[in-house]
Amino acid sequence: MGLDEQQNPGITGLMRFRPETAEPLNALAEVLLRAPHSMSPGERELIAAYVSGRNECEFCCTSHSLFAAAQLDQGMTLVQQVRADPDSAPISSKLKALLRIAGAVQQSGRAVTAEMVESAREQGATDIEIHDTVLIAAAFCMFNRYVDGLGTWAPESPDGYGDSVRRIVEHGYGV
C-alpha cells in the first residue's frame, strides 16, 4: 500500500492511491445515491448504510449512516432504528420492502425472491426503485469488500468523518 492509504481512512485512501479506478467508482456512487430519483438521497444512503452494517464494514457503515442522517429529517435516530430492525422502524412500508430486498442481495443476489419484488411493488415501489435498490446493495457489497479487503482504517469516532459528511452532502461523490 502507498502512503495515502495510511493517511486517509477507508475508501478515501484507496481512491487517492488509484485515481483511475476512483473516477468510475465515484460516478457510480453519484448516480446511485445522489442523482435525481423518486427516493431521496437520504433514503438511498440509508440502504447503503444498512448493507454496509450487515457486511460489518465499519468505515462504510459509519460514513453512510452519517450521510443518511444528515439528509433525513429524523437524523441518526432513524438510521439507528433502521439498522437495528427495519421492520419496526418508523419508515414507509415501501422502504421496508426495499430494505428486505437489499438485505437479501447482501446475502446473495439469488436470495431475492419474486415474492419480495411483488411485495415491494404492492407497497408502491417502482421498477426503477427496485432495480436501484438491488444495484445499491450489490455495489456496497463490492465497496465494503474493497475497503476491508485492502485493510483500510476507520476513524475511531463519528467526529472523524465531519469534513467528508459536509463535502458529500453539499457536493457529491465526484469531488
C-alpha atoms as a PDB file:
ATOM      1  CA  MET A   1       0.000   0.000   0.000  1.00  0.00           C
ATOM      2  CA  GLY A   2       1.060   3.539  -0.658  1.00  0.00           C
ATOM      3  CA  LEU A   3       1.390   6.339   1.852  1.00  0.00           C
ATOM      4  CA  ASP A   4      -2.018   7.865   1.021  1.00  0.00           C
ATOM      5  CA  GLU A   5      -3.973   4.872   2.287  1.00  0.00           C
ATOM      6  CA  GLN A   6      -2.212   5.088   5.631  1.00  0.00           C
ATOM      7  CA  GLN A   7      -3.061   8.777   5.997  1.00  0.00           C
ATOM      8  CA  ASN A   8      -6.636   8.677   4.672  1.00  0.00           C
ATOM      9  CA  PRO A   9      -9.336   6.405   6.086  1.00  0.00           C
ATOM     10  CA  GLY A  10     -11.396   3.835   4.241  1.00  0.00           C
ATOM     11  CA  ILE A  11     -12.105   4.252   0.590  1.00  0.00           C
ATOM     12  CA  THR A  12     -10.632   7.769   0.584  1.00  0.00           C
ATOM     13  CA  GLY A  13      -7.066   6.470   0.674  1.00  0.00           C
ATOM     14  CA  LEU A  14      -7.821   3.812  -1.930  1.00  0.00           C
ATOM     15  CA  MET A  15      -9.295   6.415  -4.269  1.00  0.00           C
ATOM     16  CA  ARG A  16      -6.189   8.573  -3.925  1.00  0.00           C
ATOM     17  CA  PHE A  17      -3.930   5.573  -4.450  1.00  0.00           C
ATOM     18  CA  ARG A  18      -5.668   4.581  -7.699  1.00  0.00           C
ATOM     19  CA  PRO A  19      -7.440   7.630  -9.177  1.00  0.00           C
ATOM     20  CA  GLU A  20      -8.121   5.881 -12.484  1.00  0.00           C
ATOM     21  CA  THR A  21     -10.457   3.458 -10.685  1.00  0.00           C
ATOM     22  CA  ALA A  22     -11.746   6.169  -8.346  1.00  0.00           C
ATOM     23  CA  GLU A  23     -13.390   8.059 -11.188  1.00  0.00           C
ATOM     24  CA  PRO A  24     -15.839   5.329 -12.296  1.00  0.00           C
ATOM     25  CA  LEU A  25     -16.493   4.219  -8.707  1.00  0.00           C
ATOM     26  CA  ASN A  26     -17.344   7.779  -7.678  1.00  0.00           C
ATOM     27  CA  ALA A  27     -19.511   8.172 -10.784  1.00  0.00           C
ATOM     28  CA  LEU A  28     -21.442   5.026  -9.841  1.00  0.00           C
ATOM     29  CA  ALA A  29     -21.953   6.262  -6.267  1.00  0.00           C
ATOM     30  CA  GLU A  30     -23.081   9.662  -7.552  1.00  0.00           C
ATOM     31  CA  VAL A  31     -25.703   8.147  -9.871  1.00  0.00           C
ATOM     32  CA  LEU A  32     -26.974   5.635  -7.323  1.00  0.00           C
ATOM     33  CA  LEU A  33     -27.031   7.873  -4.263  1.00  0.00           C
ATOM     34  CA  ARG A  34     -27.451  11.459  -5.422  1.00  0.00           C
ATOM     35  CA  ALA A  35     -28.834  11.726  -8.955  1.00  0.00           C
ATOM     36  CA  PRO A  36     -32.474  12.823  -9.381  1.00  0.00           C
ATOM     37  CA  HIS A  37     -34.665   9.958  -8.224  1.00  0.00           C
ATOM     38  CA  SER A  38     -38.029   9.176  -6.656  1.00  0.00           C
ATOM     39  CA  MET A  39     -36.199   8.073  -3.490  1.00  0.00           C
ATOM     40  CA  SER A  40     -34.406  10.803  -1.581  1.00  0.00           C
ATOM     41  CA  PRO A  41     -30.611  10.820  -1.257  1.00  0.00           C
ATOM     42  CA  GLY A  42     -31.112  10.149   2.463  1.00  0.00           C
ATOM     43  CA  GLU A  43     -33.162   7.026   1.762  1.00  0.00           C
ATOM     44  CA  ARG A  44     -30.597   5.747  -0.728  1.00  0.00           C
ATOM     45  CA  GLU A  45     -27.752   6.452   1.719  1.00  0.00           C
ATOM     46  CA  LEU A  46     -29.790   4.556   4.320  1.00  0.00           C
ATOM     47  CA  ILE A  47     -29.796   1.496   2.044  1.00  0.00           C
ATOM     48  CA  ALA A  48     -26.008   1.820   1.665  1.00  0.00           C
ATOM     49  CA  ALA A  49     -25.566   2.127   5.442  1.00  0.00           C
ATOM     50  CA  TYR A  50     -27.861  -0.835   6.100  1.00  0.00           C
ATOM     51  CA  VAL A  51     -25.992  -3.124   3.692  1.00  0.00           C
ATOM     52  CA  SER A  52     -22.603  -1.916   4.962  1.00  0.00           C
ATOM     53  CA  GLY A  53     -23.687  -2.653   8.529  1.00  0.00           C
ATOM     54  CA  ARG A  54     -24.780  -6.153   7.583  1.00  0.00           C
ATOM     55  CA  ASN A  55     -21.366  -6.605   5.952  1.00  0.00           C
ATOM     56  CA  GLU A  56     -19.695  -5.322   9.136  1.00  0.00           C
ATOM     57  CA  CYS A  57     -17.723  -2.721   7.170  1.00  0.00           C
ATOM     58  CA  GLU A  58     -17.040  -0.142   9.872  1.00  0.00           C
ATOM     59  CA  PHE A  59     -15.859   2.679   7.602  1.00  0.00           C
ATOM     60  CA  CYS A  60     -18.692   2.396   5.052  1.00  0.00           C
ATOM     61  CA  CYS A  61     -21.389   1.773   7.640  1.00  0.00           C
ATOM     62  CA  THR A  62     -20.386   4.769   9.737  1.00  0.00           C
ATOM     63  CA  SER A  63     -19.819   7.144   6.831  1.00  0.00           C
ATOM     64  CA  HIS A  64     -23.054   6.274   5.023  1.00  0.00           C
ATOM     65  CA  SER A  65     -25.011   6.303   8.282  1.00  0.00           C
ATOM     66  CA  LEU A  66     -23.749   9.850   8.804  1.00  0.00           C
ATOM     67  CA  PHE A  67     -24.513  10.817   5.192  1.00  0.00           C
ATOM     68  CA  ALA A  68     -28.048   9.418   5.568  1.00  0.00           C
ATOM     69  CA  ALA A  69     -28.607  11.078   8.944  1.00  0.00           C
ATOM     70  CA  ALA A  70     -27.552  14.458   7.543  1.00  0.00           C
ATOM     71  CA  GLN A  71     -30.209  14.147   4.822  1.00  0.00           C
ATOM     72  CA  LEU A  72     -33.128  12.659   6.768  1.00  0.00           C
ATOM     73  CA  ASP A  73     -35.408  14.739   8.991  1.00  0.00           C
ATOM     74  CA  GLN A  74     -35.213  12.166  11.798  1.00  0.00           C
ATOM     75  CA  GLY A  75     -31.397  12.065  11.617  1.00  0.00           C
ATOM     76  CA  MET A  76     -29.259   9.452  13.300  1.00  0.00           C
ATOM     77  CA  THR A  77     -32.117   8.204  15.489  1.00  0.00           C
ATOM     78  CA  LEU A  78     -33.890   6.896  12.398  1.00  0.00           C
ATOM     79  CA  VAL A  79     -30.682   5.488  10.900  1.00  0.00           C
ATOM     80  CA  GLN A  80     -30.021   3.535  14.102  1.00  0.00           C
ATOM     81  CA  GLN A  81     -33.611   2.262  14.227  1.00  0.00           C
ATOM     82  CA  VAL A  82     -33.421   1.077  10.615  1.00  0.00           C
ATOM     83  CA  ARG A  83     -30.036  -0.560  11.106  1.00  0.00           C
ATOM     84  CA  ALA A  84     -31.300  -2.368  14.220  1.00  0.00           C
ATOM     85  CA  ASP A  85     -34.630  -3.560  12.786  1.00  0.00           C
ATOM     86  CA  PRO A  86     -36.054  -2.077   9.574  1.00  0.00           C
ATOM     87  CA  ASP A  87     -39.408  -3.807  10.076  1.00  0.00           C
ATOM     88  CA  SER A  88     -40.104  -1.931  13.315  1.00  0.00           C
ATOM     89  CA  ALA A  89     -38.515   1.382  12.250  1.00  0.00           C
ATOM     90  CA  PRO A  90     -40.820   4.349  11.549  1.00  0.00           C
ATOM     91  CA  ILE A  91     -40.327   4.281   7.764  1.00  0.00           C
ATOM     92  CA  SER A  92     -42.713   3.689   4.898  1.00  0.00           C
ATOM     93  CA  SER A  93     -43.834   0.172   4.059  1.00  0.00           C
ATOM     94  CA  LYS A  94     -42.254   0.712   0.648  1.00  0.00           C
ATOM     95  CA  LEU A  95     -38.835   1.448   2.153  1.00  0.00           C
ATOM     96  CA  LYS A  96     -39.198  -1.572   4.462  1.00  0.00           C
ATOM     97  CA  ALA A  97     -39.866  -3.780   1.421  1.00  0.00           C
ATOM     98  CA  LEU A  98     -36.892  -2.299  -0.420  1.00  0.00           C
ATOM     99  CA  LEU A  99     -34.630  -2.864   2.605  1.00  0.00           C
ATOM    100  CA  ARG A 100     -35.750  -6.510   2.680  1.00  0.00           C
ATOM    101  CA  ILE A 101     -34.577  -6.759  -0.921  1.00  0.00           C
ATOM    102  CA  ALA A 102     -31.291  -5.019  -0.070  1.00  0.00           C
ATOM    103  CA  GLY A 103     -30.759  -7.428   2.825  1.00  0.00           C
ATOM    104  CA  ALA A 104     -31.355 -10.379   0.532  1.00  0.00           C
ATOM    105  CA  VAL A 105     -28.869  -9.025  -2.017  1.00  0.00           C
ATOM    106  CA  GLN A 106     -26.305  -8.663   0.780  1.00  0.00           C
ATOM    107  CA  GLN A 107     -26.604 -12.408   1.361  1.00  0.00           C
ATOM    108  CA  SER A 108     -26.752 -13.405  -2.323  1.00  0.00           C
ATOM    109  CA  GLY A 109     -28.381 -11.988  -5.409  1.00  0.00           C
ATOM    110  CA  ARG A 110     -30.241 -15.268  -5.673  1.00  0.00           C
ATOM    111  CA  ALA A 111     -31.815 -14.648  -2.264  1.00  0.00           C
ATOM    112  CA  VAL A 112     -34.084 -12.005  -3.808  1.00  0.00           C
ATOM    113  CA  THR A 113     -37.395 -13.711  -4.472  1.00  0.00           C
ATOM    114  CA  ALA A 114     -40.246 -12.897  -6.799  1.00  0.00           C
ATOM    115  CA  GLU A 115     -42.380 -12.509  -3.674  1.00  0.00           C
ATOM    116  CA  MET A 116     -40.054  -9.802  -2.319  1.00  0.00           C
ATOM    117  CA  VAL A 117     -40.229  -7.908  -5.586  1.00  0.00           C
ATOM    118  CA  GLU A 118     -44.010  -8.258  -5.752  1.00  0.00           C
ATOM    119  CA  SER A 119     -44.326  -7.106  -2.144  1.00  0.00           C
ATOM    120  CA  ALA A 120     -42.229  -4.011  -2.921  1.00  0.00           C
ATOM    121  CA  ARG A 121     -44.450  -3.268  -5.919  1.00  0.00           C
ATOM    122  CA  GLU A 122     -47.578  -3.712  -3.774  1.00  0.00           C
ATOM    123  CA  GLN A 123     -46.129  -1.137  -1.358  1.00  0.00           C
ATOM    124  CA  GLY A 124     -45.672   1.324  -4.223  1.00  0.00           C
ATOM    125  CA  ALA A 125     -42.079   0.710  -5.324  1.00  0.00           C
ATOM    126  CA  THR A 126     -41.391   1.318  -8.984  1.00  0.00           C
ATOM    127  CA  ASP A 127     -39.284  -0.966 -11.130  1.00  0.00           C
ATOM    128  CA  ILE A 128     -36.542   1.691 -11.115  1.00  0.00           C
ATOM    129  CA  GLU A 129     -36.610   1.843  -7.302  1.00  0.00           C
ATOM    130  CA  ILE A 130     -36.349  -1.956  -7.100  1.00  0.00           C
ATOM    131  CA  HIS A 131     -33.572  -2.002  -9.698  1.00  0.00           C
ATOM    132  CA  ASP A 132     -31.621   0.734  -7.972  1.00  0.00           C
ATOM    133  CA  THR A 133     -32.064  -0.862  -4.537  1.00  0.00           C
ATOM    134  CA  VAL A 134     -30.545  -4.085  -5.864  1.00  0.00           C
ATOM    135  CA  LEU A 135     -27.718  -2.158  -7.514  1.00  0.00           C
ATOM    136  CA  ILE A 136     -27.025  -0.048  -4.398  1.00  0.00           C
ATOM    137  CA  ALA A 137     -26.883  -3.217  -2.283  1.00  0.00           C
ATOM    138  CA  ALA A 138     -24.661  -5.028  -4.791  1.00  0.00           C
ATOM    139  CA  ALA A 139     -22.380  -2.009  -5.230  1.00  0.00           C
ATOM    140  CA  PHE A 140     -21.996  -1.617  -1.484  1.00  0.00           C
ATOM    141  CA  CYS A 141     -21.097  -5.262  -1.098  1.00  0.00           C
ATOM    142  CA  MET A 142     -18.301  -4.512  -3.582  1.00  0.00           C
ATOM    143  CA  PHE A 143     -17.308  -1.228  -1.893  1.00  0.00           C
ATOM    144  CA  ASN A 144     -17.313  -2.937   1.529  1.00  0.00           C
ATOM    145  CA  ARG A 145     -15.095  -5.744   0.291  1.00  0.00           C
ATOM    146  CA  TYR A 146     -12.773  -3.243  -1.413  1.00  0.00           C
ATOM    147  CA  VAL A 147     -12.394  -1.206   1.790  1.00  0.00           C
ATOM    148  CA  ASP A 148     -11.976  -4.207   4.105  1.00  0.00           C
ATOM    149  CA  GLY A 149     -10.057  -6.383   1.659  1.00  0.00           C
ATOM    150  CA  LEU A 150      -7.262  -3.832   1.482  1.00  0.00           C
ATOM    151  CA  GLY A 151      -7.158  -3.388   5.242  1.00  0.00           C
ATOM    152  CA  THR A 152      -8.101   0.289   5.412  1.00  0.00           C
ATOM    153  CA  TRP A 153      -8.740   2.015   8.716  1.00  0.00           C
ATOM    154  CA  ALA A 154     -11.740   3.912  10.053  1.00  0.00           C
ATOM    155  CA  PRO A 155     -11.779   6.935  12.360  1.00  0.00           C
ATOM    156  CA  GLU A 156     -12.409   5.942  15.972  1.00  0.00           C
ATOM    157  CA  SER A 157     -15.244   8.444  16.365  1.00  0.00           C
ATOM    158  CA  PRO A 158     -18.016   9.733  14.099  1.00  0.00           C
ATOM    159  CA  ASP A 159     -16.397  13.168  14.580  1.00  0.00           C
ATOM    160  CA  GLY A 160     -13.569  11.946  12.332  1.00  0.00           C
ATOM    161  CA  TYR A 161     -15.975  11.921   9.357  1.00  0.00           C
ATOM    162  CA  GLY A 162     -17.124  15.555   9.684  1.00  0.00           C
ATOM    163  CA  ASP A 163     -15.453  17.049   6.609  1.00  0.00           C
ATOM    164  CA  SER A 164     -16.486  14.175   4.365  1.00  0.00           C
ATOM    165  CA  VAL A 165     -20.114  14.379   5.533  1.00  0.00           C
ATOM    166  CA  ARG A 166     -20.294  18.065   4.666  1.00  0.00           C
ATOM    167  CA  ARG A 167     -18.477  17.556   1.333  1.00  0.00           C
ATOM    168  CA  ILE A 168     -20.631  14.621   0.192  1.00  0.00           C
ATOM    169  CA  VAL A 169     -23.950  16.167   1.232  1.00  0.00           C
ATOM    170  CA  GLU A 170     -23.102  19.534  -0.354  1.00  0.00           C
ATOM    171  CA  HIS A 171     -21.084  18.485  -3.413  1.00  0.00           C
ATOM    172  CA  GLY A 172     -21.439  14.759  -4.046  1.00  0.00           C
ATOM    173  CA  TYR A 173     -19.061  11.940  -4.805  1.00  0.00           C
ATOM    174  CA  GLY A 174     -17.240  13.394  -7.776  1.00  0.00           C
ATOM    175  CA  VAL A 175     -15.323  15.981  -5.732  1.00  0.00           C
END
